[in-house]
Amino acid sequence: MKFILVPLTVIIPTIVSAQQSKPIVVQNAYFAKAGKEKEVYEWRLHASEVREKLGLPKGRILRRISDGSGSYIIWQCDYSSMEERKKDVDLLDRSEEFKKVQEHMNTLLDKFERTVWEVN
């Protein structure tokens, strides 16, 4: 049996490239402070409008209608790759308007969670 040694500099970029080419879904879960559910929903709508003004996908907003615990709002967006998501985040990080939305949203939340899913 023969082994071929391949430098990691050849293997790792190939793995990363393969991972970046897969579609992903990002979900942000918003856990509103008591009595702030409606305002969280309205600010998430506003955040999506700001995204759209920046030329980014609005994503979609899911509002919980059943009783129970958990997040009240989920924002979800599909991306063709991790690279597309990174470009999205880079643009948002440079937007003063979006930073103001994030700052205000933080005052309305008990908790925030982001989950990134790979689509197969």
PDB file of N, CA and C in Angstrom:
ATOM      1  N   MET A   1       0.841  -1.172   0.000  1.00  0.00           N
ATOM      2  CA  MET A   1       0.000   0.000   0.000  1.00  0.00           C
ATOM      3  C   MET A   1       0.890   1.241   0.000  1.00  0.00           C
ATOM      4  N   LYS A   2       0.599   2.181  -0.870  1.00  0.00           N
ATOM      5  CA  LYS A   2       1.383   3.408  -0.970  1.00  0.00           C
ATOM      6  C   LYS A   2       0.556   4.580  -0.459  1.00  0.00           C
ATOM      7  N   PHE A   3       1.220   5.488   0.181  1.00  0.00           N
ATOM      8  CA  PHE A   3       0.591   6.706   0.656  1.00  0.00           C
ATOM      9  C   PHE A   3       1.164   7.882  -0.120  1.00  0.00           C
ATOM     10  N   ILE A   4       0.302   8.788  -0.437  1.00  0.00           N
ATOM     11  CA  ILE A   4       0.754  10.008  -1.100  1.00  0.00           C
ATOM     12  C   ILE A   4       0.554  11.144  -0.113  1.00  0.00           C
ATOM     13  N   LEU A   5       1.605  11.834   0.198  1.00  0.00           N
ATOM     14  CA  LEU A   5       1.515  12.961   1.111  1.00  0.00           C
ATOM     15  C   LEU A   5       1.160  14.209   0.330  1.00  0.00           C
ATOM     16  N   VAL A   6       0.085  14.825   0.762  1.00  0.00           N
ATOM     17  CA  VAL A   6      -0.367  16.058   0.121  1.00  0.00           C
ATOM     18  C   VAL A   6      -0.363  17.145   1.187  1.00  0.00           C
ATOM     19  N   PRO A   7       0.261  18.271   0.910  1.00  0.00           N
ATOM     20  CA  PRO A   7       0.288  19.347   1.903  1.00  0.00           C
ATOM     21  C   PRO A   7      -1.122  19.823   2.250  1.00  0.00           C
ATOM     22  N   LEU A   8      -1.302  20.213   3.522  1.00  0.00           N
ATOM     23  CA  LEU A   8      -2.609  20.722   3.962  1.00  0.00           C
ATOM     24  C   LEU A   8      -3.006  21.975   3.197  1.00  0.00           C
ATOM     25  N   THR A   9      -2.055  22.706   2.705  1.00  0.00           N
ATOM     26  CA  THR A   9      -2.387  23.915   1.926  1.00  0.00           C
ATOM     27  C   THR A   9      -3.128  23.579   0.643  1.00  0.00           C
ATOM     28  N   VAL A  10      -3.057  22.327   0.222  1.00  0.00           N
ATOM     29  CA  VAL A  10      -3.801  21.880  -0.954  1.00  0.00           C
ATOM     30  C   VAL A  10      -5.161  21.345  -0.531  1.00  0.00           C
ATOM     31  N   ILE A  11      -5.209  20.613   0.575  1.00  0.00           N
ATOM     32  CA  ILE A  11      -6.450  19.959   1.020  1.00  0.00           C
ATOM     33  C   ILE A  11      -7.436  20.956   1.610  1.00  0.00           C
ATOM     34  N   ILE A  12      -6.991  21.791   2.519  1.00  0.00           N
ATOM     35  CA  ILE A  12      -7.901  22.677   3.243  1.00  0.00           C
ATOM     36  C   ILE A  12      -8.628  23.645   2.318  1.00  0.00           C
ATOM     37  N   PRO A  13      -7.969  24.334   1.389  1.00  0.00           N
ATOM     38  CA  PRO A  13      -8.743  25.212   0.488  1.00  0.00           C
ATOM     39  C   PRO A  13      -9.800  24.447  -0.309  1.00  0.00           C
ATOM     40  N   THR A  14      -9.511  23.200  -0.649  1.00  0.00           N
ATOM     41  CA  THR A  14     -10.483  22.396  -1.390  1.00  0.00           C
ATOM     42  C   THR A  14     -11.708  22.117  -0.527  1.00  0.00           C
ATOM     43  N   ILE A  15     -11.485  21.787   0.749  1.00  0.00           N
ATOM     44  CA  ILE A  15     -12.597  21.516   1.665  1.00  0.00           C
ATOM     45  C   ILE A  15     -13.416  22.779   1.874  1.00  0.00           C
ATOM     46  N   VAL A  16     -12.739  23.883   2.141  1.00  0.00           N
ATOM     47  CA  VAL A  16     -13.443  25.150   2.364  1.00  0.00           C
ATOM     48  C   VAL A  16     -14.225  25.539   1.124  1.00  0.00           C
ATOM     49  N   SER A  17     -13.628  25.389  -0.042  1.00  0.00           N
ATOM     50  CA  SER A  17     -14.304  25.724  -1.291  1.00  0.00           C
ATOM     51  C   SER A  17     -15.549  24.879  -1.485  1.00  0.00           C
ATOM     52  N   ALA A  18     -15.455  23.596  -1.178  1.00  0.00           N
ATOM     53  CA  ALA A  18     -16.617  22.707  -1.311  1.00  0.00           C
ATOM     54  C   ALA A  18     -17.719  23.121  -0.346  1.00  0.00           C
ATOM     55  N   GLN A  19     -17.342  23.505   0.886  1.00  0.00           N
ATOM     56  CA  GLN A  19     -18.340  23.919   1.869  1.00  0.00           C
ATOM     57  C   GLN A  19     -18.998  25.227   1.451  1.00  0.00           C
ATOM     58  N   GLN A  20     -18.230  26.147   0.881  1.00  0.00           N
ATOM     59  CA  GLN A  20     -18.774  27.441   0.506  1.00  0.00           C
ATOM     60  C   GLN A  20     -19.754  27.341  -0.652  1.00  0.00           C
ATOM     61  N   SER A  21     -19.649  26.308  -1.438  1.00  0.00           N
ATOM     62  CA  SER A  21     -20.510  26.212  -2.599  1.00  0.00           C
ATOM     63  C   SER A  21     -21.893  25.667  -2.261  1.00  0.00           C
ATOM     64  N   LYS A  22     -22.077  25.138  -1.049  1.00  0.00           N
ATOM     65  CA  LYS A  22     -23.384  24.603  -0.666  1.00  0.00           C
ATOM     66  C   LYS A  22     -24.299  25.737  -0.191  1.00  0.00           C
ATOM     67  N   PRO A  23     -25.579  25.623  -0.520  1.00  0.00           N
ATOM     68  CA  PRO A  23     -26.529  26.630  -0.032  1.00  0.00           C
ATOM     69  C   PRO A  23     -26.674  26.540   1.490  1.00  0.00           C
ATOM     70  N   ILE A  24     -26.983  27.667   2.094  1.00  0.00           N
ATOM     71  CA  ILE A  24     -27.223  27.700   3.535  1.00  0.00           C
ATOM     72  C   ILE A  24     -28.497  28.471   3.835  1.00  0.00           C
ATOM     73  N   VAL A  25     -29.024  28.244   5.021  1.00  0.00           N
ATOM     74  CA  VAL A  25     -30.157  28.993   5.548  1.00  0.00           C
ATOM     75  C   VAL A  25     -29.732  29.550   6.899  1.00  0.00           C
ATOM     76  N   VAL A  26     -29.966  30.833   7.099  1.00  0.00           N
ATOM     77  CA  VAL A  26     -29.668  31.474   8.376  1.00  0.00           C
ATOM     78  C   VAL A  26     -30.989  31.784   9.057  1.00  0.00           C
ATOM     79  N   GLN A  27     -31.073  31.441  10.343  1.00  0.00           N
ATOM     80  CA  GLN A  27     -32.251  31.763  11.141  1.00  0.00           C
ATOM     81  C   GLN A  27     -31.813  32.548  12.370  1.00  0.00           C
ATOM     82  N   ASN A  28     -32.423  33.712  12.554  1.00  0.00           N
ATOM     83  CA  ASN A  28     -32.213  34.513  13.759  1.00  0.00           C
ATOM     84  C   ASN A  28     -33.468  34.396  14.607  1.00  0.00           C
ATOM     85  N   ALA A  29     -33.299  33.992  15.853  1.00  0.00           N
ATOM     86  CA  ALA A  29     -34.431  33.855  16.769  1.00  0.00           C
ATOM     87  C   ALA A  29     -34.409  35.012  17.766  1.00  0.00           C
ATOM     88  N   TYR A  30     -35.533  35.703  17.876  1.00  0.00           N
ATOM     89  CA  TYR A  30     -35.664  36.868  18.737  1.00  0.00           C
ATOM     90  C   TYR A  30     -36.576  36.526  19.908  1.00  0.00           C
ATOM     91  N   PHE A  31     -36.036  36.605  21.120  1.00  0.00           N
ATOM     92  CA  PHE A  31     -36.783  36.331  22.339  1.00  0.00           C
ATOM     93  C   PHE A  31     -37.087  37.681  22.986  1.00  0.00           C
ATOM     94  N   ALA A  32     -38.316  38.147  22.795  1.00  0.00           N
ATOM     95  CA  ALA A  32     -38.705  39.489  23.236  1.00  0.00           C
ATOM     96  C   ALA A  32     -38.854  39.559  24.752  1.00  0.00           C
ATOM     97  N   LYS A  33     -38.517  40.735  25.290  1.00  0.00           N
ATOM     98  CA  LYS A  33     -38.819  41.008  26.695  1.00  0.00           C
ATOM     99  C   LYS A  33     -40.338  41.032  26.841  1.00  0.00           C
ATOM    100  N   ALA A  34     -40.830  40.749  28.030  1.00  0.00           N
ATOM    101  CA  ALA A  34     -42.270  40.740  28.288  1.00  0.00           C
ATOM    102  C   ALA A  34     -42.890  42.068  27.851  1.00  0.00           C
ATOM    103  N   GLY A  35     -43.947  41.968  27.064  1.00  0.00           N
ATOM    104  CA  GLY A  35     -44.664  43.144  26.599  1.00  0.00           C
ATOM    105  C   GLY A  35     -44.047  43.825  25.377  1.00  0.00           C
ATOM    106  N   LYS A  36     -42.923  43.325  24.888  1.00  0.00           N
ATOM    107  CA  LYS A  36     -42.234  43.951  23.752  1.00  0.00           C
ATOM    108  C   LYS A  36     -42.380  43.155  22.450  1.00  0.00           C
ATOM    109  N   GLU A  37     -43.220  42.149  22.440  1.00  0.00           N
ATOM    110  CA  GLU A  37     -43.353  41.269  21.282  1.00  0.00           C
ATOM    111  C   GLU A  37     -43.732  42.024  20.011  1.00  0.00           C
ATOM    112  N   LYS A  38     -44.719  42.900  20.111  1.00  0.00           N
ATOM    113  CA  LYS A  38     -45.171  43.639  18.928  1.00  0.00           C
ATOM    114  C   LYS A  38     -44.069  44.560  18.414  1.00  0.00           C
ATOM    115  N   GLU A  39     -43.359  45.201  19.320  1.00  0.00           N
ATOM    116  CA  GLU A  39     -42.292  46.118  18.912  1.00  0.00           C
ATOM    117  C   GLU A  39     -41.125  45.355  18.266  1.00  0.00           C
ATOM    118  N   VAL A  40     -40.814  44.177  18.782  1.00  0.00           N
ATOM    119  CA  VAL A  40     -39.770  43.350  18.168  1.00  0.00           C
ATOM    120  C   VAL A  40     -40.170  42.996  16.739  1.00  0.00           C
ATOM    121  N   TYR A  41     -41.433  42.608  16.572  1.00  0.00           N
ATOM    122  CA  TYR A  41     -41.932  42.271  15.232  1.00  0.00           C
ATOM    123  C   TYR A  41     -41.812  43.476  14.294  1.00  0.00           C
ATOM    124  N   GLU A  42     -42.234  44.650  14.750  1.00  0.00           N
ATOM    125  CA  GLU A  42     -42.181  45.856  13.921  1.00  0.00           C
ATOM    126  C   GLU A  42     -40.735  46.232  13.572  1.00  0.00           C
ATOM    127  N   TRP A  43     -39.827  46.105  14.516  1.00  0.00           N
ATOM    128  CA  TRP A  43     -38.426  46.433  14.254  1.00  0.00           C
ATOM    129  C   TRP A  43     -37.767  45.414  13.337  1.00  0.00           C
ATOM    130  N   ARG A  44     -38.225  44.156  13.423  1.00  0.00           N
ATOM    131  CA  ARG A  44     -37.674  43.169  12.485  1.00  0.00           C
ATOM    132  C   ARG A  44     -38.152  43.476  11.073  1.00  0.00           C
ATOM    133  N   LEU A  45     -39.396  43.906  10.918  1.00  0.00           N
ATOM    134  CA  LEU A  45     -39.898  44.333   9.611  1.00  0.00           C
ATOM    135  C   LEU A  45     -39.056  45.506   9.086  1.00  0.00           C
ATOM    136  N   HIS A  46     -38.782  46.459   9.973  1.00  0.00           N
ATOM    137  CA  HIS A  46     -37.970  47.616   9.594  1.00  0.00           C
ATOM    138  C   HIS A  46     -36.562  47.177   9.183  1.00  0.00           C
ATOM    139  N   ALA A  47     -35.971  46.266   9.926  1.00  0.00           N
ATOM    140  CA  ALA A  47     -34.629  45.760   9.598  1.00  0.00           C
ATOM    141  C   ALA A  47     -34.617  45.144   8.204  1.00  0.00           C
ATOM    142  N   SER A  48     -35.675  44.436   7.855  1.00  0.00           N
ATOM    143  CA  SER A  48     -35.763  43.826   6.527  1.00  0.00           C
ATOM    144  C   SER A  48     -35.880  44.883   5.440  1.00  0.00           C
ATOM    145  N   GLU A  49     -36.580  45.976   5.744  1.00  0.00           N
ATOM    146  CA  GLU A  49     -36.670  47.083   4.792  1.00  0.00           C
ATOM    147  C   GLU A  49     -35.300  47.731   4.581  1.00  0.00           C
ATOM    148  N   VAL A  50     -34.545  47.878   5.652  1.00  0.00           N
ATOM    149  CA  VAL A  50     -33.194  48.446   5.542  1.00  0.00           C
ATOM    150  C   VAL A  50     -32.322  47.525   4.695  1.00  0.00           C
ATOM    151  N   ARG A  51     -32.420  46.213   4.934  1.00  0.00           N
ATOM    152  CA  ARG A  51     -31.671  45.246   4.125  1.00  0.00           C
ATOM    153  C   ARG A  51     -31.998  45.438   2.644  1.00  0.00           C
ATOM    154  N   GLU A  52     -33.280  45.577   2.350  1.00  0.00           N
ATOM    155  CA  GLU A  52     -33.714  45.724   0.960  1.00  0.00           C
ATOM    156  C   GLU A  52     -33.140  47.012   0.341  1.00  0.00           C
ATOM    157  N   LYS A  53     -33.129  48.110   1.115  1.00  0.00           N
ATOM    158  CA  LYS A  53     -32.559  49.368   0.627  1.00  0.00           C
ATOM    159  C   LYS A  53     -31.077  49.219   0.305  1.00  0.00           C
ATOM    160  N   LEU A  54     -30.405  48.332   1.023  1.00  0.00           N
ATOM    161  CA  LEU A  54     -28.978  48.091   0.802  1.00  0.00           C
ATOM    162  C   LEU A  54     -28.718  47.125  -0.353  1.00  0.00           C
ATOM    163  N   GLY A  55     -29.817  46.619  -0.960  1.00  0.00           N
ATOM    164  CA  GLY A  55     -29.675  45.690  -2.080  1.00  0.00           C
ATOM    165  C   GLY A  55     -29.528  44.241  -1.644  1.00  0.00           C
ATOM    166  N   LEU A  56     -29.865  43.969  -0.392  1.00  0.00           N
ATOM    167  CA  LEU A  56     -29.772  42.607   0.143  1.00  0.00           C
ATOM    168  C   LEU A  56     -31.153  41.963   0.164  1.00  0.00           C
ATOM    169  N   PRO A  57     -31.206  40.633   0.200  1.00  0.00           N
ATOM    170  CA  PRO A  57     -32.514  39.977   0.306  1.00  0.00           C
ATOM    171  C   PRO A  57     -33.186  40.344   1.637  1.00  0.00           C
ATOM    172  N   LYS A  58     -34.503  40.539   1.592  1.00  0.00           N
ATOM    173  CA  LYS A  58     -35.258  40.869   2.806  1.00  0.00           C
ATOM    174  C   LYS A  58     -35.310  39.697   3.775  1.00  0.00           C
ATOM    175  N   GLY A  59     -35.249  38.488   3.229  1.00  0.00           N
ATOM    176  CA  GLY A  59     -35.494  37.323   4.068  1.00  0.00           C
ATOM    177  C   GLY A  59     -36.977  37.225   4.348  1.00  0.00           C
ATOM    178  N   ARG A  60     -37.319  36.344   5.252  1.00  0.00           N
ATOM    179  CA  ARG A  60     -38.740  36.271   5.637  1.00  0.00           C
ATOM    180  C   ARG A  60     -38.838  36.211   7.143  1.00  0.00           C
ATOM    181  N   ILE A  61     -39.950  36.715   7.636  1.00  0.00           N
ATOM    182  CA  ILE A  61     -40.170  36.826   9.066  1.00  0.00           C
ATOM    183  C   ILE A  61     -41.283  35.883   9.469  1.00  0.00           C
ATOM    184  N   LEU A  62     -40.989  35.074  10.457  1.00  0.00           N
ATOM    185  CA  LEU A  62     -41.964  34.140  11.000  1.00  0.00           C
ATOM    186  C   LEU A  62     -42.363  34.639  12.383  1.00  0.00           C
ATOM    187  N   ARG A  63     -43.666  34.782  12.613  1.00  0.00           N
ATOM    188  CA  ARG A  63     -44.164  35.228  13.916  1.00  0.00           C
ATOM    189  C   ARG A  63     -44.931  34.078  14.537  1.00  0.00           C
ATOM    190  N   ARG A  64     -44.532  33.722  15.744  1.00  0.00           N
ATOM    191  CA  ARG A  64     -45.190  32.601  16.429  1.00  0.00           C
ATOM    192  C   ARG A  64     -46.636  32.965  16.755  1.00  0.00           C
ATOM    193  N   ILE A  65     -47.544  32.047  16.428  1.00  0.00           N
ATOM    194  CA  ILE A  65     -48.962  32.277  16.718  1.00  0.00           C
ATOM    195  C   ILE A  65     -49.507  31.272  17.728  1.00  0.00           C
ATOM    196  N   SER A  66     -48.691  30.295  18.090  1.00  0.00           N
ATOM    197  CA  SER A  66     -49.132  29.311  19.078  1.00  0.00           C
ATOM    198  C   SER A  66     -48.632  29.702  20.465  1.00  0.00           C
ATOM    199  N   ASP A  67     -49.275  29.146  21.472  1.00  0.00           N
ATOM    200  CA  ASP A  67     -48.817  29.346  22.847  1.00  0.00           C
ATOM    201  C   ASP A  67     -47.520  28.569  23.048  1.00  0.00           C
ATOM    202  N   GLY A  68     -46.811  28.930  24.078  1.00  0.00           N
ATOM    203  CA  GLY A  68     -45.604  28.187  24.399  1.00  0.00           C
ATOM    204  C   GLY A  68     -44.415  29.093  24.588  1.00  0.00           C
ATOM    205  N   SER A  69     -43.323  28.449  24.914  1.00  0.00           N
ATOM    206  CA  SER A  69     -42.092  29.213  25.119  1.00  0.00           C
ATOM    207  C   SER A  69     -41.267  29.181  23.846  1.00  0.00           C
ATOM    208  N   GLY A  70     -40.202  29.910  23.867  1.00  0.00           N
ATOM    209  CA  GLY A  70     -39.341  29.969  22.694  1.00  0.00           C
ATOM    210  C   GLY A  70     -39.351  31.351  22.098  1.00  0.00           C
ATOM    211  N   SER A  71     -38.726  31.462  20.959  1.00  0.00           N
ATOM    212  CA  SER A  71     -38.632  32.774  20.327  1.00  0.00           C
ATOM    213  C   SER A  71     -39.995  33.198  19.801  1.00  0.00           C
ATOM    214  N   TYR A  72     -40.196  34.498  19.776  1.00  0.00           N
ATOM    215  CA  TYR A  72     -41.451  35.046  19.275  1.00  0.00           C
ATOM    216  C   TYR A  72     -41.357  35.318  17.780  1.00  0.00           C
ATOM    217  N   ILE A  73     -40.164  35.693  17.353  1.00  0.00           N
ATOM    218  CA  ILE A  73     -39.930  36.033  15.946  1.00  0.00           C
ATOM    219  C   ILE A  73     -38.726  35.248  15.453  1.00  0.00           C
ATOM    220  N   ILE A  74     -38.812  34.760  14.220  1.00  0.00           N
ATOM    221  CA  ILE A  74     -37.650  34.191  13.543  1.00  0.00           C
ATOM    222  C   ILE A  74     -37.522  34.894  12.203  1.00  0.00           C
ATOM    223  N   TRP A  75     -36.323  35.367  11.938  1.00  0.00           N
ATOM    224  CA  TRP A  75     -36.000  35.884  10.617  1.00  0.00           C
ATOM    225  C   TRP A  75     -35.184  34.815   9.931  1.00  0.00           C
ATOM    226  N   GLN A  76     -35.530  34.527   8.675  1.00  0.00           N
ATOM    227  CA  GLN A  76     -34.866  33.463   7.925  1.00  0.00           C
ATOM    228  C   GLN A  76     -34.472  33.975   6.548  1.00  0.00           C
ATOM    229  N   CYS A  77     -33.273  33.580   6.109  1.00  0.00           N
ATOM    230  CA  CYS A  77     -32.820  33.989   4.783  1.00  0.00           C
ATOM    231  C   CYS A  77     -32.008  32.863   4.162  1.00  0.00           C
ATOM    232  N   ASP A  78     -32.248  32.636   2.884  1.00  0.00           N
ATOM    233  CA  ASP A  78     -31.514  31.620   2.131  1.00  0.00           C
ATOM    234  C   ASP A  78     -30.363  32.284   1.386  1.00  0.00           C
ATOM    235  N   TYR A  79     -29.237  31.602   1.379  1.00  0.00           N
ATOM    236  CA  TYR A  79     -28.049  32.076   0.657  1.00  0.00           C
ATOM    237  C   TYR A  79     -27.536  30.946  -0.220  1.00  0.00           C
ATOM    238  N   SER A  80     -26.970  31.295  -1.348  1.00  0.00           N
ATOM    239  CA  SER A  80     -26.442  30.275  -2.252  1.00  0.00           C
ATOM    240  C   SER A  80     -25.154  29.659  -1.725  1.00  0.00           C
ATOM    241  N   SER A  81     -24.472  30.380  -0.801  1.00  0.00           N
ATOM    242  CA  SER A  81     -23.210  29.884  -0.264  1.00  0.00           C
ATOM    243  C   SER A  81     -22.831  30.684   0.984  1.00  0.00           C
ATOM    244  N   MET A  82     -21.840  30.177   1.722  1.00  0.00           N
ATOM    245  CA  MET A  82     -21.300  30.915   2.861  1.00  0.00           C
ATOM    246  C   MET A  82     -20.629  32.199   2.380  1.00  0.00           C
ATOM    247  N   GLU A  83     -20.050  32.163   1.210  1.00  0.00           N
ATOM    248  CA  GLU A  83     -19.400  33.345   0.652  1.00  0.00           C
ATOM    249  C   GLU A  83     -20.429  34.468   0.443  1.00  0.00           C
ATOM    250  N   GLU A  84     -21.602  34.117  -0.066  1.00  0.00           N
ATOM    251  CA  GLU A  84     -22.664  35.115  -0.255  1.00  0.00           C
ATOM    252  C   GLU A  84     -23.083  35.688   1.100  1.00  0.00           C
ATOM    253  N   ARG A  85     -23.192  34.847   2.100  1.00  0.00           N
ATOM    254  CA  ARG A  85     -23.557  35.294   3.452  1.00  0.00           C
ATOM    255  C   ARG A  85     -22.500  36.247   4.004  1.00  0.00           C
ATOM    256  N   LYS A  86     -21.234  35.922   3.790  1.00  0.00           N
ATOM    257  CA  LYS A  86     -20.149  36.775   4.281  1.00  0.00           C
ATOM    258  C   LYS A  86     -20.234  38.164   3.639  1.00  0.00           C
ATOM    259  N   LYS A  87     -20.500  38.231   2.346  1.00  0.00           N
ATOM    260  CA  LYS A  87     -20.640  39.523   1.661  1.00  0.00           C
ATOM    261  C   LYS A  87     -21.812  40.313   2.253  1.00  0.00           C
ATOM    262  N   ASP A  88     -22.894  39.622   2.549  1.00  0.00           N
ATOM    263  CA  ASP A  88     -24.083  40.209   3.162  1.00  0.00           C
ATOM    264  C   ASP A  88     -23.699  40.853   4.502  1.00  0.00           C
ATOM    265  N   VAL A  89     -23.028  40.084   5.348  1.00  0.00           N
ATOM    266  CA  VAL A  89     -22.643  40.561   6.680  1.00  0.00           C
ATOM    267  C   VAL A  89     -21.665  41.729   6.573  1.00  0.00           C
ATOM    268  N   ASP A  90     -20.723  41.647   5.659  1.00  0.00           N
ATOM    269  CA  ASP A  90     -19.760  42.733   5.476  1.00  0.00           C
ATOM    270  C   ASP A  90     -20.471  44.042   5.129  1.00  0.00           C
ATOM    271  N   LEU A  91     -21.471  43.974   4.265  1.00  0.00           N
ATOM    272  CA  LEU A  91     -22.225  45.170   3.884  1.00  0.00           C
ATOM    273  C   LEU A  91     -23.020  45.703   5.079  1.00  0.00           C
ATOM    274  N   LEU A  92     -23.659  44.812   5.827  1.00  0.00           N
ATOM    275  CA  LEU A  92     -24.422  45.243   7.010  1.00  0.00           C
ATOM    276  C   LEU A  92     -23.529  45.889   8.044  1.00  0.00           C
ATOM    277  N   ASP A  93     -22.325  45.353   8.228  1.00  0.00           N
ATOM    278  CA  ASP A  93     -21.383  45.906   9.202  1.00  0.00           C
ATOM    279  C   ASP A  93     -20.966  47.330   8.851  1.00  0.00           C
ATOM    280  N   ARG A  94     -21.042  47.693   7.584  1.00  0.00           N
ATOM    281  CA  ARG A  94     -20.672  49.044   7.138  1.00  0.00           C
ATOM    282  C   ARG A  94     -21.863  50.013   7.126  1.00  0.00           C
ATOM    283  N   SER A  95     -23.058  49.503   7.401  1.00  0.00           N
ATOM    284  CA  SER A  95     -24.265  50.328   7.335  1.00  0.00           C
ATOM    285  C   SER A  95     -24.590  50.937   8.705  1.00  0.00           C
ATOM    286  N   GLU A  96     -24.493  52.254   8.795  1.00  0.00           N
ATOM    287  CA  GLU A  96     -24.848  52.943  10.041  1.00  0.00           C
ATOM    288  C   GLU A  96     -26.335  52.770  10.361  1.00  0.00           C
ATOM    289  N   GLU A  97     -27.167  52.783   9.325  1.00  0.00           N
ATOM    290  CA  GLU A  97     -28.607  52.631   9.541  1.00  0.00           C
ATOM    291  C   GLU A  97     -28.916  51.258  10.139  1.00  0.00           C
ATOM    292  N   PHE A  98     -28.275  50.223   9.636  1.00  0.00           N
ATOM    293  CA  PHE A  98     -28.541  48.889  10.170  1.00  0.00           C
ATOM    294  C   PHE A  98     -27.982  48.744  11.585  1.00  0.00           C
ATOM    295  N   LYS A  99     -26.858  49.369  11.875  1.00  0.00           N
ATOM    296  CA  LYS A  99     -26.293  49.338  13.236  1.00  0.00           C
ATOM    297  C   LYS A  99     -27.281  49.947  14.236  1.00  0.00           C
ATOM    298  N   LYS A 100     -27.954  51.028  13.837  1.00  0.00           N
ATOM    299  CA  LYS A 100     -28.947  51.657  14.721  1.00  0.00           C
ATOM    300  C   LYS A 100     -30.121  50.712  14.974  1.00  0.00           C
ATOM    301  N   VAL A 101     -30.523  49.994  13.944  1.00  0.00           N
ATOM    302  CA  VAL A 101     -31.605  49.006  14.105  1.00  0.00           C
ATOM    303  C   VAL A 101     -31.171  47.939  15.106  1.00  0.00           C
ATOM    304  N   GLN A 102     -29.960  47.428  14.952  1.00  0.00           N
ATOM    305  CA  GLN A 102     -29.459  46.393  15.862  1.00  0.00           C
ATOM    306  C   GLN A 102     -29.399  46.902  17.303  1.00  0.00           C
ATOM    307  N   GLU A 103     -28.904  48.125  17.480  1.00  0.00           N
ATOM    308  CA  GLU A 103     -28.796  48.696  18.826  1.00  0.00           C
ATOM    309  C   GLU A 103     -30.161  48.802  19.493  1.00  0.00           C
ATOM    310  N   HIS A 104     -31.161  49.283  18.741  1.00  0.00           N
ATOM    311  CA  HIS A 104     -32.499  49.403  19.324  1.00  0.00           C
ATOM    312  C   HIS A 104     -33.092  48.019  19.594  1.00  0.00           C
ATOM    313  N   MET A 105     -32.911  47.101  18.667  1.00  0.00           N
ATOM    314  CA  MET A 105     -33.455  45.757  18.854  1.00  0.00           C
ATOM    315  C   MET A 105     -32.901  45.124  20.125  1.00  0.00           C
ATOM    316  N   ASN A 106     -31.632  45.361  20.407  1.00  0.00           N
ATOM    317  CA  ASN A 106     -31.020  44.791  21.613  1.00  0.00           C
ATOM    318  C   ASN A 106     -31.711  45.258  22.891  1.00  0.00           C
ATOM    319  N   THR A 107     -32.319  46.438  22.872  1.00  0.00           N
ATOM    320  CA  THR A 107     -33.020  46.940  24.063  1.00  0.00           C
ATOM    321  C   THR A 107     -34.353  46.232  24.269  1.00  0.00           C
ATOM    322  N   LEU A 108     -34.834  45.533  23.242  1.00  0.00           N
ATOM    323  CA  LEU A 108     -36.150  44.883  23.294  1.00  0.00           C
ATOM    324  C   LEU A 108     -36.076  43.390  23.596  1.00  0.00           C
ATOM    325  N   LEU A 109     -34.878  42.852  23.633  1.00  0.00           N
ATOM    326  CA  LEU A 109     -34.715  41.395  23.701  1.00  0.00           C
ATOM    327  C   LEU A 109     -34.156  40.908  25.027  1.00  0.00           C
ATOM    328  N   ASP A 110     -34.656  39.733  25.429  1.00  0.00           N
ATOM    329  CA  ASP A 110     -34.035  38.990  26.524  1.00  0.00           C
ATOM    330  C   ASP A 110     -32.910  38.125  25.987  1.00  0.00           C
ATOM    331  N   LYS A 111     -33.091  37.676  24.739  1.00  0.00           N
ATOM    332  CA  LYS A 111     -32.144  36.721  24.171  1.00  0.00           C
ATOM    333  C   LYS A 111     -32.220  36.767  22.647  1.00  0.00           C
ATOM    334  N   PHE A 112     -31.097  36.469  22.021  1.00  0.00           N
ATOM    335  CA  PHE A 112     -31.005  36.387  20.570  1.00  0.00           C
ATOM    336  C   PHE A 112     -30.160  35.167  20.234  1.00  0.00           C
ATOM    337  N   GLU A 113     -30.589  34.392  19.247  1.00  0.00           N
ATOM    338  CA  GLU A 113     -29.808  33.229  18.793  1.00  0.00           C
ATOM    339  C   GLU A 113     -29.778  33.201  17.274  1.00  0.00           C
ATOM    340  N   ARG A 114     -28.613  32.843  16.735  1.00  0.00           N
ATOM    341  CA  ARG A 114     -28.481  32.686  15.282  1.00  0.00           C
ATOM    342  C   ARG A 114     -28.056  31.248  15.004  1.00  0.00           C
ATOM    343  N   THR A 115     -28.720  30.625  14.050  1.00  0.00           N
ATOM    344  CA  THR A 115     -28.379  29.276  13.625  1.00  0.00           C
ATOM    345  C   THR A 115     -28.168  29.296  12.114  1.00  0.00           C
ATOM    346  N   VAL A 116     -27.094  28.647  11.676  1.00  0.00           N
ATOM    347  CA  VAL A 116     -26.799  28.545  10.247  1.00  0.00           C
ATOM    348  C   VAL A 116     -26.923  27.082   9.856  1.00  0.00           C
ATOM    349  N   TRP A 117     -27.722  26.826   8.842  1.00  0.00           N
ATOM    350  CA  TRP A 117     -28.013  25.465   8.380  1.00  0.00           C
ATOM    351  C   TRP A 117     -27.434  25.243   6.986  1.00  0.00           C
ATOM    352  N   GLU A 118     -26.866  24.107   6.761  1.00  0.00           N
ATOM    353  CA  GLU A 118     -26.409  23.721   5.438  1.00  0.00           C
ATOM    354  C   GLU A 118     -27.536  22.967   4.744  1.00  0.00           C
ATOM    355  N   VAL A 119     -27.794  23.299   3.498  1.00  0.00           N
ATOM    356  CA  VAL A 119     -28.848  22.655   2.726  1.00  0.00           C
ATOM    357  C   VAL A 119     -28.221  21.585   1.849  1.00  0.00           C
ATOM    358  N   ASN A 120     -28.716  20.368   1.939  1.00  0.00           N
ATOM    359  CA  ASN A 120     -28.206  19.263   1.113  1.00  0.00           C
ATOM    360  C   ASN A 120     -29.259  18.823   0.123  1.00  0.00           C
TER     361      ASN A 120
END
